[in-house]
Protein backbone atom coordinates (compact mmCIF):
# COMPACT_ATOMS: atom_id res chain seq x y z
CA MET A 1 110.83 86.29 59.50
CA PRO A 2 108.64 87.85 56.79
CA ALA A 3 107.31 91.32 57.68
CA ASN A 4 103.73 90.02 57.89
CA SER A 5 104.79 87.59 60.65
CA PHE A 6 105.10 90.45 63.14
CA ALA A 7 102.28 91.89 65.22
CA ILE A 8 104.37 94.91 66.22
CA VAL A 9 107.51 96.51 64.79
CA ALA A 10 109.04 99.56 66.53
CA ARG A 11 111.81 101.61 64.95
CA ASP A 12 113.60 104.40 66.86
CA LEU A 13 110.48 105.08 68.94
CA ARG A 14 110.89 108.27 70.99
CA TYR A 15 108.67 110.45 73.15
CA GLN A 16 109.41 113.60 75.12
CA ASP A 17 107.09 115.54 77.38
CA ALA A 18 106.23 119.24 77.16
CA GLY A 19 109.26 120.06 79.27
CA GLY A 20 111.60 118.34 76.82
CA ARG A 21 112.34 115.28 78.98
CA GLN A 22 113.01 112.17 76.88
CA LEU A 23 110.67 109.54 78.37
CA LEU A 24 111.00 106.95 75.60
CA SER A 25 114.33 106.88 73.85
CA GLY A 26 115.16 105.04 70.62
CA LEU A 27 113.19 101.84 71.17
CA ASN A 28 113.66 99.14 68.53
CA PHE A 29 111.96 95.74 68.73
CA GLU A 30 109.80 93.26 66.85
CA ILE A 31 107.05 91.09 68.32
CA PRO A 32 105.90 88.05 66.30
CA LYS A 33 102.20 87.37 66.01
CA GLY A 34 100.88 85.29 68.88
CA GLN A 35 103.78 86.03 71.23
CA ARG A 36 103.09 86.95 74.86
CA VAL A 37 105.44 89.68 76.05
CA ALA A 38 105.97 91.29 79.46
CA ILE A 39 106.82 95.00 79.50
CA LEU A 40 108.82 95.38 82.70
CA GLY A 41 110.64 98.15 84.53
CA ALA A 42 110.63 100.24 87.67
CA ALA A 43 108.03 102.96 88.21
CA GLY A 44 108.51 105.71 85.65
CA ALA A 45 110.47 103.49 83.24
CA GLY A 46 107.99 104.14 80.41
CA LYS A 47 105.81 101.01 80.42
CA SER A 48 102.44 102.80 80.27
CA LEU A 49 103.77 105.31 77.73
CA LEU A 50 104.82 102.49 75.42
CA LEU A 51 101.37 100.90 75.57
CA ALA A 52 99.76 104.29 74.91
CA ALA A 53 101.98 104.81 71.85
CA LEU A 54 101.08 101.37 70.48
CA ASN A 55 97.40 102.29 70.76
CA GLY A 56 97.75 105.64 69.00
CA LEU A 57 97.22 107.63 72.19
CA LEU A 58 100.65 109.27 72.41
CA PRO A 59 102.48 111.53 69.95
CA PHE A 60 105.92 110.10 69.19
CA SER A 61 108.76 110.23 66.71
CA GLY A 62 110.05 107.18 64.92
CA SER A 63 107.71 104.59 63.49
CA LEU A 64 105.43 101.76 64.55
CA ALA A 65 103.68 99.04 62.61
CA VAL A 66 100.75 97.39 64.39
CA ASN A 67 99.43 94.36 62.53
CA GLY A 68 100.64 96.01 59.34
CA LEU A 69 99.13 99.43 60.10
CA ARG A 70 101.63 102.28 60.08
CA LEU A 71 101.85 104.84 62.85
CA PRO A 72 101.79 107.77 62.43
CA GLY A 73 99.27 107.57 59.60
CA THR A 74 96.48 105.36 60.97
CA SER A 75 93.42 106.66 62.85
CA VAL A 76 92.73 105.45 66.37
CA ALA A 77 89.38 104.11 65.16
CA ARG A 78 91.08 101.92 62.54
CA LEU A 79 93.78 100.88 64.99
CA ARG A 80 91.13 99.79 67.50
CA GLN A 81 90.06 97.09 65.04
CA GLU A 82 93.41 95.39 65.60
CA ILE A 83 94.48 96.20 69.15
CA GLY A 84 92.91 96.56 72.60
CA LEU A 85 94.13 98.31 75.74
CA VAL A 86 93.09 97.92 79.37
CA PHE A 87 94.23 100.90 81.45
CA GLN A 88 95.90 100.59 84.84
CA GLU A 89 92.80 102.36 86.20
CA PRO A 90 90.11 100.62 84.09
CA ALA A 91 87.25 102.72 85.50
CA GLU A 92 88.60 105.50 83.25
CA GLN A 93 87.49 103.56 80.17
CA LEU A 94 84.03 102.52 81.41
CA PHE A 95 80.75 104.38 80.96
CA SER A 96 77.92 105.09 83.37
CA THR A 97 75.75 102.38 81.85
CA THR A 98 75.18 98.71 82.60
CA VAL A 99 77.91 96.10 82.57
CA PHE A 100 76.20 94.53 79.55
CA GLU A 101 76.30 97.80 77.59
CA ASN A 102 79.91 98.49 78.53
CA ILE A 103 80.96 95.13 77.13
CA ALA A 104 78.82 95.70 74.03
CA VAL A 105 80.22 99.18 73.18
CA GLY A 106 83.03 97.90 70.98
CA LEU A 107 80.72 95.52 69.15
CA HIS A 108 78.35 98.39 68.36
CA ALA A 109 81.31 100.33 66.95
CA GLN A 110 82.24 97.36 64.77
CA GLY A 111 78.70 97.15 63.42
CA THR A 112 77.88 93.81 65.06
CA ARG A 113 74.13 93.24 65.11
CA GLU A 114 71.70 91.11 67.07
CA PRO A 115 71.54 88.26 67.85
CA GLU A 116 75.33 87.94 67.42
CA LEU A 117 75.99 90.96 69.64
CA SER A 118 74.10 89.55 72.62
CA ARG A 119 75.58 86.10 72.09
CA ARG A 120 79.14 87.40 72.27
CA VAL A 121 78.42 89.59 75.30
CA GLN A 122 76.84 86.66 77.11
CA VAL A 123 79.95 84.56 76.45
CA MET A 124 82.07 87.26 78.14
CA LEU A 125 79.67 87.64 81.06
CA LYS A 126 79.89 83.92 81.73
CA LEU A 127 83.66 83.70 81.17
CA PHE A 128 84.36 86.52 83.65
CA ASP A 129 81.67 85.51 86.16
CA LEU A 130 79.67 88.70 85.56
CA GLU A 131 76.27 87.23 84.70
CA GLU A 132 74.65 88.43 87.93
CA ASP A 133 76.11 91.91 87.40
CA ALA A 134 74.96 92.36 83.80
CA GLN A 135 72.38 95.06 84.61
CA ARG A 136 74.39 96.86 87.30
CA ASN A 137 75.96 100.25 86.63
CA ALA A 138 79.58 99.52 85.74
CA LEU A 139 80.83 102.55 87.68
CA GLY A 140 79.38 101.15 90.91
CA LEU A 141 81.45 97.98 90.86
CA GLY A 142 84.42 97.04 93.02
CA GLY A 143 87.99 97.01 91.76
CA GLY A 144 88.11 93.35 90.76
CA GLU A 145 84.78 93.50 88.96
CA THR A 146 85.75 96.73 87.19
CA LYS A 147 88.91 95.13 85.81
CA ARG A 148 86.98 92.09 84.64
CA VAL A 149 84.47 94.30 82.81
CA ALA A 150 87.22 96.34 81.16
CA ILE A 151 89.07 93.22 79.99
CA ALA A 152 85.84 91.58 78.80
CA ALA A 153 85.00 94.76 76.85
CA GLU A 154 88.29 94.44 74.99
CA LEU A 155 88.26 90.66 74.47
CA VAL A 156 84.69 90.62 73.13
CA ARG A 157 85.95 92.57 70.10
CA GLU A 158 88.44 89.75 69.41
CA PRO A 159 91.45 92.03 68.86
CA ALA A 160 94.56 90.47 67.36
CA ILE A 161 96.67 92.26 70.01
CA LEU A 162 95.81 92.88 73.66
CA CYS A 163 97.70 95.38 75.86
CA LEU A 164 97.24 95.24 79.63
CA ASP A 165 98.60 97.80 82.08
CA GLU A 166 98.99 96.29 85.58
CA PRO A 167 95.85 94.13 85.21
CA CYS A 168 96.08 92.60 88.70
CA ALA A 169 97.25 95.65 90.68
CA GLY A 170 95.14 96.19 93.78
CA LEU A 171 93.35 92.84 93.57
CA ASP A 172 93.30 90.27 96.34
CA HIS A 173 94.98 86.92 95.72
CA GLY A 174 91.79 85.10 94.69
CA CYS A 175 90.69 87.78 92.21
CA SER A 176 94.20 87.97 90.78
CA GLN A 177 94.42 84.21 90.26
CA ASN A 178 91.01 84.08 88.59
CA LEU A 179 91.86 86.95 86.27
CA GLN A 180 95.20 85.40 85.33
CA ALA A 181 93.39 82.16 84.48
CA GLN A 182 91.12 84.03 82.05
CA LEU A 183 94.04 85.90 80.47
CA GLY A 184 95.84 82.61 80.02
CA ARG A 185 93.12 81.57 77.56
CA TYR A 186 93.73 84.51 75.24
CA SER A 187 95.33 83.22 72.03
CA GLY A 188 96.41 86.47 70.35
CA THR A 189 99.46 88.66 70.83
CA MET A 190 99.66 89.96 74.41
CA LEU A 191 101.68 92.80 75.91
CA LEU A 192 101.55 92.84 79.69
CA ALA A 193 102.99 95.82 81.59
CA SER A 194 103.51 94.90 85.22
CA HIS A 195 105.66 95.11 88.33
CA ASP A 196 104.67 91.52 89.18
CA LEU A 197 107.47 89.33 87.84
CA ARG A 198 105.89 86.09 89.01
CA MET A 199 102.69 86.87 87.14
CA ALA A 200 104.75 87.81 84.09
CA GLY A 201 106.46 84.43 84.36
CA ARG A 202 103.12 82.64 84.35
CA LEU A 203 101.56 84.58 81.48
CA THR A 204 104.42 85.55 79.13
CA GLU A 205 107.38 83.97 77.37
CA ARG A 206 109.44 87.07 76.61
CA ALA A 207 110.34 90.22 78.53
CA LEU A 208 111.20 93.69 77.28
CA VAL A 209 112.74 95.61 80.19
CA LEU A 210 112.67 99.40 80.16
CA LYS A 211 115.02 101.53 82.23
CA ARG A 212 114.63 105.31 82.15
CA GLY A 213 112.83 105.09 78.81
CA GLN A 214 115.41 102.89 77.11
CA LEU A 215 115.21 99.21 76.19
CA ALA A 216 117.64 97.76 78.72
CA ALA A 217 117.04 94.04 78.08
CA ASP A 218 115.18 91.72 75.71
CA LEU A 219 115.17 88.11 76.90
CA SER A 220 112.99 85.20 77.92
CA THR A 221 110.87 85.84 80.99
CA GLN A 222 112.16 82.66 82.60
CA GLU A 223 115.77 83.70 82.08
CA LEU A 224 115.02 86.96 83.88
CA LEU A 225 113.36 85.14 86.77
CA ASP A 226 116.35 82.82 87.10
CA ASN A 227 118.99 85.58 87.16
CA GLU A 228 118.95 87.52 90.43
CA LYS A 229 121.97 89.68 89.54
CA LEU A 230 120.40 90.75 86.25
CA ARG A 231 117.15 91.63 87.99
CA PHE A 232 119.10 93.75 90.49
CA ASP A 233 120.97 95.53 87.69
CA LEU A 234 117.63 96.27 85.97
CA ASP A 235 115.97 97.57 89.18
CA LEU A 236 113.48 94.69 89.21
CA LEU A 237 112.24 93.08 92.40
CA ILE A 238 110.27 89.90 93.00
């Protein structure tokens, strides 16, 4: 594939903490544009660290290319024009303002003006069933609503790449199903870090499995779901 066909290229990606522990170790992979990829692994495998590195939030050695932008060497502000991230605890990325304003923050940063700004926010409010909550303080919402606001705030910017860290963790079955339905409509490149293999099977086509910071497997998500022995060897449970 030509280099410009890839949304993400990682070469010898490594990260160690202040104590010298190697938490990401020599990761090499390529993700074509438009592919939907699950980042899987047991707790502590390095899933969240990998997403942080891709978004310029983690110092690392090696190299990354994100939609053609080289890391290190690209500012977080420039990177944010190409990639979005929803944290495992999305309240950490919301502000003490209204739901409407939280969704609009990224558009303001991009220089989007009225009436286009309000039009795009209204589309997200309707898509995520948040119209009645538009003027509520985002920090006073419940867990399911908070996640919907955080995801809407990323999608409204129309990033080419969307990273999600455990998007359905802590949600009841109904909220989880509704959120998965909305994510299924996203047409860009998606990286989904999760412990939920069934959700990964519904939303992604490929799985990168981390084990103690190393890339232990790179295969189709369905192949992983169909192979119980492999899942056991990789410390993955359904």
